[in-house]
């Protein structure tokens, strides 16, 4: 969804909003933690608003990084603010980090989901690997690398394609293919083409055959997409240690990494790894329920 209003200049709503956000007072670590504790205890929306307002400038900063997709910055900020508000509700000040360190994952998740939903009518990124490649395309260094490759220049990709990315089959060629797919235009199934002789062809919907149980298959694919998005959003809430356990235990039920091996990586006991795994399972269950995928848990 492209923005129809110029977002440059001193009199645009976006510029005025950025000035207003810049005037919002920031909170010290101590004040932030105290307000968060009071919010948890009272659920007072005014306290949540204080936490949100103090971090709005960070949402703007993140939104500006996604301008390369020609998406309305104002819309991205709005989505990011929703992500920030969601993070405030789940923030635990007792874990020792600042709110924005936790909220940044929710802010980016909401913005990226908005981009995916509006970049094309047909959403270009549906699998986890595709979404990771889509996120890579948001990185300026990846864009520059693609241009260099097109010019025949060799590129060192070690700085932005990790071993974990490679495990998903992500390479510069895969990213290049994903970019080409996303740049494809949408077409209506009612559209009629005209050939060189002036004859109008049949519309696409007239060439489609009836499939067996087509509706059921579509619903199944939609369910899988919703579940996949919920799990991806959940992954963004995990710290490095939790994510390692999730990827090497819960995502590999047929060949899980041994508890002792994981304990050796992080210098913790086997029992501690087991406790963390149980906590991650519960968090994953809650994330699926929050996303409306509760039926999947009992499937």
Protein backbone atom coordinates (compact mmCIF):
# COMPACT_ATOMS: atom_id res chain seq x y z
CA UNK A 1 0.00 0.00 0.00
CA UNK A 2 1.80 3.08 -1.22
CA UNK A 3 1.44 6.35 0.54
CA UNK A 4 -0.44 9.02 -1.43
CA UNK A 5 0.72 11.89 0.76
CA UNK A 6 4.27 13.22 0.54
CA UNK A 7 6.18 12.39 3.68
CA UNK A 8 8.94 14.95 3.21
CA UNK A 9 8.86 18.55 4.38
CA UNK A 10 8.17 20.45 7.53
CA UNK A 11 4.38 20.57 7.36
CA UNK A 12 3.45 16.96 6.76
CA UNK A 13 1.60 14.99 9.45
CA UNK A 14 4.56 12.61 9.68
CA UNK A 15 7.04 15.41 10.34
CA UNK A 16 4.79 16.97 12.97
CA UNK A 17 4.33 13.57 14.59
CA UNK A 18 8.08 13.03 14.72
CA UNK A 19 8.52 16.41 16.42
CA UNK A 20 5.85 15.50 18.95
CA UNK A 21 7.43 12.11 19.63
CA UNK A 22 10.84 13.70 20.07
CA UNK A 23 9.44 15.86 22.85
CA UNK A 24 8.19 12.88 24.85
CA UNK A 25 10.29 12.47 28.02
CA UNK A 26 12.36 9.30 28.23
CA UNK A 27 12.39 7.15 31.34
CA UNK A 28 15.40 6.07 33.33
CA UNK A 29 15.94 2.36 33.85
CA UNK A 30 14.71 2.65 37.45
CA UNK A 31 11.60 4.67 36.59
CA UNK A 32 10.74 2.34 33.73
CA UNK A 33 11.02 -0.74 35.93
CA UNK A 34 8.92 0.84 38.68
CA UNK A 35 6.15 1.88 36.29
CA UNK A 36 6.18 -1.58 34.71
CA UNK A 37 5.82 -3.23 38.14
CA UNK A 38 2.91 -0.96 39.01
CA UNK A 39 1.28 -1.74 35.66
CA UNK A 40 1.60 -5.49 36.24
CA UNK A 41 0.03 -5.09 39.67
CA UNK A 42 -2.79 -2.72 38.71
CA UNK A 43 -3.24 -3.07 34.92
CA UNK A 44 -3.77 0.68 34.90
CA UNK A 45 -3.83 1.75 31.21
CA UNK A 46 -2.37 5.15 32.11
CA UNK A 47 0.80 3.42 33.28
CA UNK A 48 0.97 1.45 30.03
CA UNK A 49 0.60 4.69 28.10
CA UNK A 50 3.57 6.17 29.96
CA UNK A 51 5.73 3.25 28.90
CA UNK A 52 4.51 3.42 25.32
CA UNK A 53 5.00 7.20 24.97
CA UNK A 54 8.54 7.02 26.32
CA UNK A 55 9.51 4.59 23.54
CA UNK A 56 7.63 5.97 20.53
CA UNK A 57 10.80 7.54 19.08
CA UNK A 58 12.31 4.07 18.70
CA UNK A 59 9.31 2.94 16.62
CA UNK A 60 9.91 5.84 14.23
CA UNK A 61 13.60 4.97 13.98
CA UNK A 62 12.81 1.36 13.09
CA UNK A 63 10.09 2.34 10.58
CA UNK A 64 12.48 4.58 8.66
CA UNK A 65 14.72 1.59 7.98
CA UNK A 66 11.94 -0.03 5.95
CA UNK A 67 11.44 2.87 3.52
CA UNK A 68 13.12 0.81 0.79
CA UNK A 69 9.84 -1.07 0.29
CA UNK A 70 7.93 2.07 -0.70
CA UNK A 71 5.43 1.46 2.08
CA UNK A 72 3.85 4.37 3.94
CA UNK A 73 6.12 5.22 6.86
CA UNK A 74 3.09 6.50 8.74
CA UNK A 75 1.38 3.13 8.39
CA UNK A 76 4.52 1.32 9.51
CA UNK A 77 4.74 3.54 12.58
CA UNK A 78 1.13 2.77 13.40
CA UNK A 79 1.79 -0.96 13.14
CA UNK A 80 4.97 -0.61 15.17
CA UNK A 81 3.09 1.24 17.89
CA UNK A 82 0.68 -1.68 18.13
CA UNK A 83 3.65 -4.00 18.52
CA UNK A 84 5.08 -1.72 21.22
CA UNK A 85 1.78 -1.74 23.11
CA UNK A 86 1.68 -5.53 22.87
CA UNK A 87 5.21 -5.74 24.25
CA UNK A 88 4.31 -3.49 27.18
CA UNK A 89 1.60 -5.95 28.24
CA UNK A 90 4.09 -8.83 28.28
CA UNK A 91 7.17 -6.99 29.59
CA UNK A 92 8.75 -8.38 32.75
CA UNK A 93 11.01 -5.78 34.42
CA UNK A 94 12.45 -8.40 36.76
CA UNK A 95 14.44 -9.95 33.93
CA UNK A 96 16.85 -7.01 34.04
CA UNK A 97 16.70 -5.59 30.50
CA UNK A 98 15.08 -2.41 29.20
CA UNK A 99 11.63 -2.43 27.66
CA UNK A 100 12.86 -1.47 24.19
CA UNK A 101 15.30 -4.41 24.16
CA UNK A 102 12.29 -6.70 24.41
CA UNK A 103 9.82 -4.57 22.46
CA UNK A 104 12.03 -4.23 19.37
CA UNK A 105 11.16 -7.80 18.35
CA UNK A 106 7.43 -7.14 18.55
CA UNK A 107 7.77 -3.78 16.78
CA UNK A 108 9.65 -5.36 13.88
CA UNK A 109 7.29 -8.33 13.77
CA UNK A 110 4.23 -6.10 13.37
CA UNK A 111 5.93 -3.91 10.76
CA UNK A 112 7.23 -6.84 8.75
CA UNK A 113 3.87 -8.56 8.81
CA UNK A 114 2.26 -5.35 7.53
CA UNK A 115 4.78 -5.16 4.69
CA UNK A 116 4.10 -8.76 3.74
CA UNK A 117 0.35 -8.16 3.76
CA UNK A 118 0.55 -5.02 1.63
CA UNK A 119 3.58 -5.52 -0.60
CA UNK A 120 1.42 -7.48 -2.99
CA UNK A 121 -2.15 -8.74 -2.97
CA UNK A 122 -0.77 -12.27 -3.01
CA UNK A 123 1.51 -12.52 0.00
CA UNK A 124 5.02 -13.34 -1.24
CA UNK A 125 6.46 -14.97 1.90
CA UNK A 126 4.61 -17.95 3.33
CA UNK A 127 7.22 -20.43 4.54
CA UNK A 128 9.68 -19.73 7.36
CA UNK A 129 12.64 -19.76 4.96
CA UNK A 130 10.86 -17.33 2.62
CA UNK A 131 10.12 -14.98 5.50
CA UNK A 132 13.76 -15.06 6.58
CA UNK A 133 14.81 -14.21 3.03
CA UNK A 134 12.22 -11.43 2.92
CA UNK A 135 13.76 -9.99 6.07
CA UNK A 136 17.21 -10.21 4.49
CA UNK A 137 15.97 -8.07 1.61
CA UNK A 138 15.30 -5.30 4.13
CA UNK A 139 19.03 -5.09 4.86
CA UNK A 140 20.84 -2.38 2.82
CA UNK A 141 24.01 -4.51 2.70
CA UNK A 142 22.09 -7.35 1.06
CA UNK A 143 20.64 -4.98 -1.55
CA UNK A 144 24.15 -3.71 -2.30
CA UNK A 145 25.45 -7.27 -2.51
CA UNK A 146 22.76 -8.22 -5.04
CA UNK A 147 23.74 -5.27 -7.21
CA UNK A 148 27.41 -6.26 -7.01
CA UNK A 149 26.58 -9.84 -7.98
CA UNK A 150 24.58 -8.61 -10.96
CA UNK A 151 27.71 -6.74 -12.05
CA UNK A 152 29.82 -9.86 -11.76
CA UNK A 153 31.59 -8.85 -8.55
CA UNK A 154 32.32 -11.46 -5.91
CA UNK A 155 30.76 -10.75 -2.52
CA UNK A 156 31.65 -11.95 0.97
CA UNK A 157 28.27 -12.87 2.49
CA UNK A 158 29.58 -14.06 5.88
CA UNK A 159 28.58 -10.75 7.46
CA UNK A 160 24.86 -11.13 6.76
CA UNK A 161 24.14 -14.81 6.02
CA UNK A 162 24.69 -16.86 9.17
CA UNK A 163 25.06 -20.60 9.59
CA UNK A 164 21.48 -20.67 10.87
CA UNK A 165 20.33 -18.96 7.63
CA UNK A 166 22.27 -21.50 5.58
CA UNK A 167 20.47 -24.23 7.50
CA UNK A 168 17.21 -22.89 6.06
CA UNK A 169 18.67 -23.05 2.56
CA UNK A 170 19.21 -19.30 2.38
CA UNK A 171 21.89 -18.15 -0.05
CA UNK A 172 22.40 -15.10 -2.22
CA UNK A 173 20.85 -16.97 -5.14
CA UNK A 174 17.82 -17.88 -3.02
CA UNK A 175 17.47 -14.25 -1.92
CA UNK A 176 17.76 -13.14 -5.53
CA UNK A 177 15.01 -15.58 -6.54
CA UNK A 178 12.81 -14.36 -3.67
CA UNK A 179 13.27 -10.76 -4.81
CA UNK A 180 12.28 -11.68 -8.37
CA UNK A 181 9.18 -13.45 -7.06
CA UNK A 182 8.12 -10.46 -4.98
CA UNK A 183 8.53 -8.10 -7.92
CA UNK A 184 6.08 -10.11 -9.99
CA UNK A 185 2.80 -8.29 -10.51
CA UNK A 186 -0.60 -9.58 -9.44
CA UNK A 187 -3.18 -10.55 -12.04
CA UNK A 188 -6.94 -10.84 -11.82
CA UNK A 189 -8.52 -14.19 -12.64
CA UNK A 190 -11.19 -12.19 -14.53
CA UNK A 191 -8.61 -10.53 -16.78
CA UNK A 192 -8.82 -11.25 -20.54
CA UNK A 193 -5.67 -10.99 -22.65
CA UNK A 194 -5.68 -9.94 -26.30
CA UNK A 195 -3.20 -11.61 -28.67
CA UNK A 196 -1.45 -10.02 -31.63
CA UNK A 197 -4.33 -10.80 -33.97
CA UNK A 198 -6.83 -9.00 -31.78
CA UNK A 199 -8.51 -12.14 -30.43
CA UNK A 200 -9.48 -12.10 -26.77
CA UNK A 201 -8.39 -15.14 -24.79
CA UNK A 202 -10.35 -16.84 -22.06
CA UNK A 203 -10.07 -15.40 -18.56
CA UNK A 204 -7.92 -17.30 -16.07
CA UNK A 205 -10.92 -18.44 -14.03
CA UNK A 206 -12.33 -20.10 -17.17
CA UNK A 207 -9.21 -22.26 -17.48
CA UNK A 208 -9.26 -23.52 -13.90
CA UNK A 209 -10.50 -27.04 -13.28
CA UNK A 210 -12.49 -28.12 -10.28
CA UNK A 211 -10.29 -29.96 -7.81
CA UNK A 212 -11.35 -32.56 -5.30
CA UNK A 213 -11.95 -31.00 -1.89
CA UNK A 214 -10.30 -27.76 -3.05
CA UNK A 215 -11.91 -25.70 -0.27
CA UNK A 216 -10.63 -28.04 2.41
CA UNK A 217 -7.09 -27.86 1.00
CA UNK A 218 -7.22 -24.05 0.94
CA UNK A 219 -8.41 -23.91 4.54
CA UNK A 220 -5.64 -26.31 5.55
CA UNK A 221 -3.01 -24.14 3.86
CA UNK A 222 -4.44 -21.05 5.55
CA UNK A 223 -4.32 -22.77 8.95
CA UNK A 224 -0.71 -23.73 8.41
CA UNK A 225 0.16 -20.17 7.42
CA UNK A 226 -1.49 -18.74 10.55
CA UNK A 227 0.27 -21.28 12.75
CA UNK A 228 3.58 -20.57 11.05
CA UNK A 229 3.21 -16.84 11.67
CA UNK A 230 2.32 -17.43 15.31
CA UNK A 231 5.41 -19.59 15.80
CA UNK A 232 7.63 -17.07 14.03
CA UNK A 233 6.30 -14.31 16.27
CA UNK A 234 6.96 -16.51 19.28
CA UNK A 235 10.54 -17.17 18.17
CA UNK A 236 11.23 -13.45 18.21
CA UNK A 237 10.42 -13.32 21.93
CA UNK A 238 13.08 -15.88 22.84
CA UNK A 239 16.56 -14.99 23.99
CA UNK A 240 19.62 -16.67 22.47
CA UNK A 241 19.64 -19.62 24.87
CA UNK A 242 15.90 -20.26 24.61
CA UNK A 243 16.01 -20.05 20.81
CA UNK A 244 18.86 -22.59 20.71
CA UNK A 245 16.86 -25.03 22.83
CA UNK A 246 13.71 -24.43 20.77
CA UNK A 247 15.49 -25.07 17.46
CA UNK A 248 17.49 -28.07 18.63
CA UNK A 249 14.90 -29.79 20.82
CA UNK A 250 11.32 -28.76 20.08
CA UNK A 251 11.75 -28.28 16.33
CA UNK A 252 13.58 -31.61 16.00
CA UNK A 253 11.32 -34.09 17.83
CA UNK A 254 12.69 -37.02 15.78
CA UNK A 255 16.34 -36.18 16.40
CA UNK A 256 16.60 -33.79 19.36
CA UNK A 257 19.94 -32.61 20.69
CA UNK A 258 20.78 -34.26 24.01
CA UNK A 259 20.17 -32.24 27.18
CA UNK A 260 23.75 -32.81 28.27
CA UNK A 261 25.08 -31.42 24.99
CA UNK A 262 22.99 -28.27 25.28
CA UNK A 263 24.07 -27.90 28.89
CA UNK A 264 27.68 -28.07 27.74
CA UNK A 265 27.13 -25.29 25.23
CA UNK A 266 25.76 -22.90 27.85
CA UNK A 267 27.61 -24.26 30.89
CA UNK A 268 24.42 -25.19 32.73
CA UNK A 269 23.15 -28.45 34.19
CA UNK A 270 21.03 -31.03 32.39
CA UNK A 271 18.18 -30.33 34.79
CA UNK A 272 18.35 -26.60 34.07
CA UNK A 273 18.04 -27.31 30.35
CA UNK A 274 15.00 -29.47 31.09
CA UNK A 275 13.42 -26.65 33.11
CA UNK A 276 14.06 -24.15 30.32
CA UNK A 277 12.56 -26.53 27.76
CA UNK A 278 9.40 -26.91 29.85
CA UNK A 279 9.10 -23.13 30.16
CA UNK A 280 9.58 -22.69 26.41
CA UNK A 281 6.86 -25.28 25.73
CA UNK A 282 4.43 -23.40 27.95
CA UNK A 283 5.32 -20.08 26.32
CA UNK A 284 4.82 -21.62 22.88
CA UNK A 285 1.44 -22.99 23.93
CA UNK A 286 0.37 -19.58 25.18
CA UNK A 287 1.60 -17.90 21.98
CA UNK A 288 -0.49 -20.26 19.85
CA UNK A 289 -3.55 -19.70 22.01
CA UNK A 290 -3.07 -15.91 21.82
CA UNK A 291 -2.94 -16.20 18.03
CA UNK A 292 -6.19 -18.15 17.94
CA UNK A 293 -4.49 -21.45 17.13
CA UNK A 294 -5.64 -23.27 20.25
CA UNK A 295 -7.29 -26.02 18.21
CA UNK A 296 -3.88 -26.87 16.75
CA UNK A 297 -2.60 -27.79 20.21
CA UNK A 298 -5.12 -30.60 20.58
CA UNK A 299 -4.83 -31.74 16.97
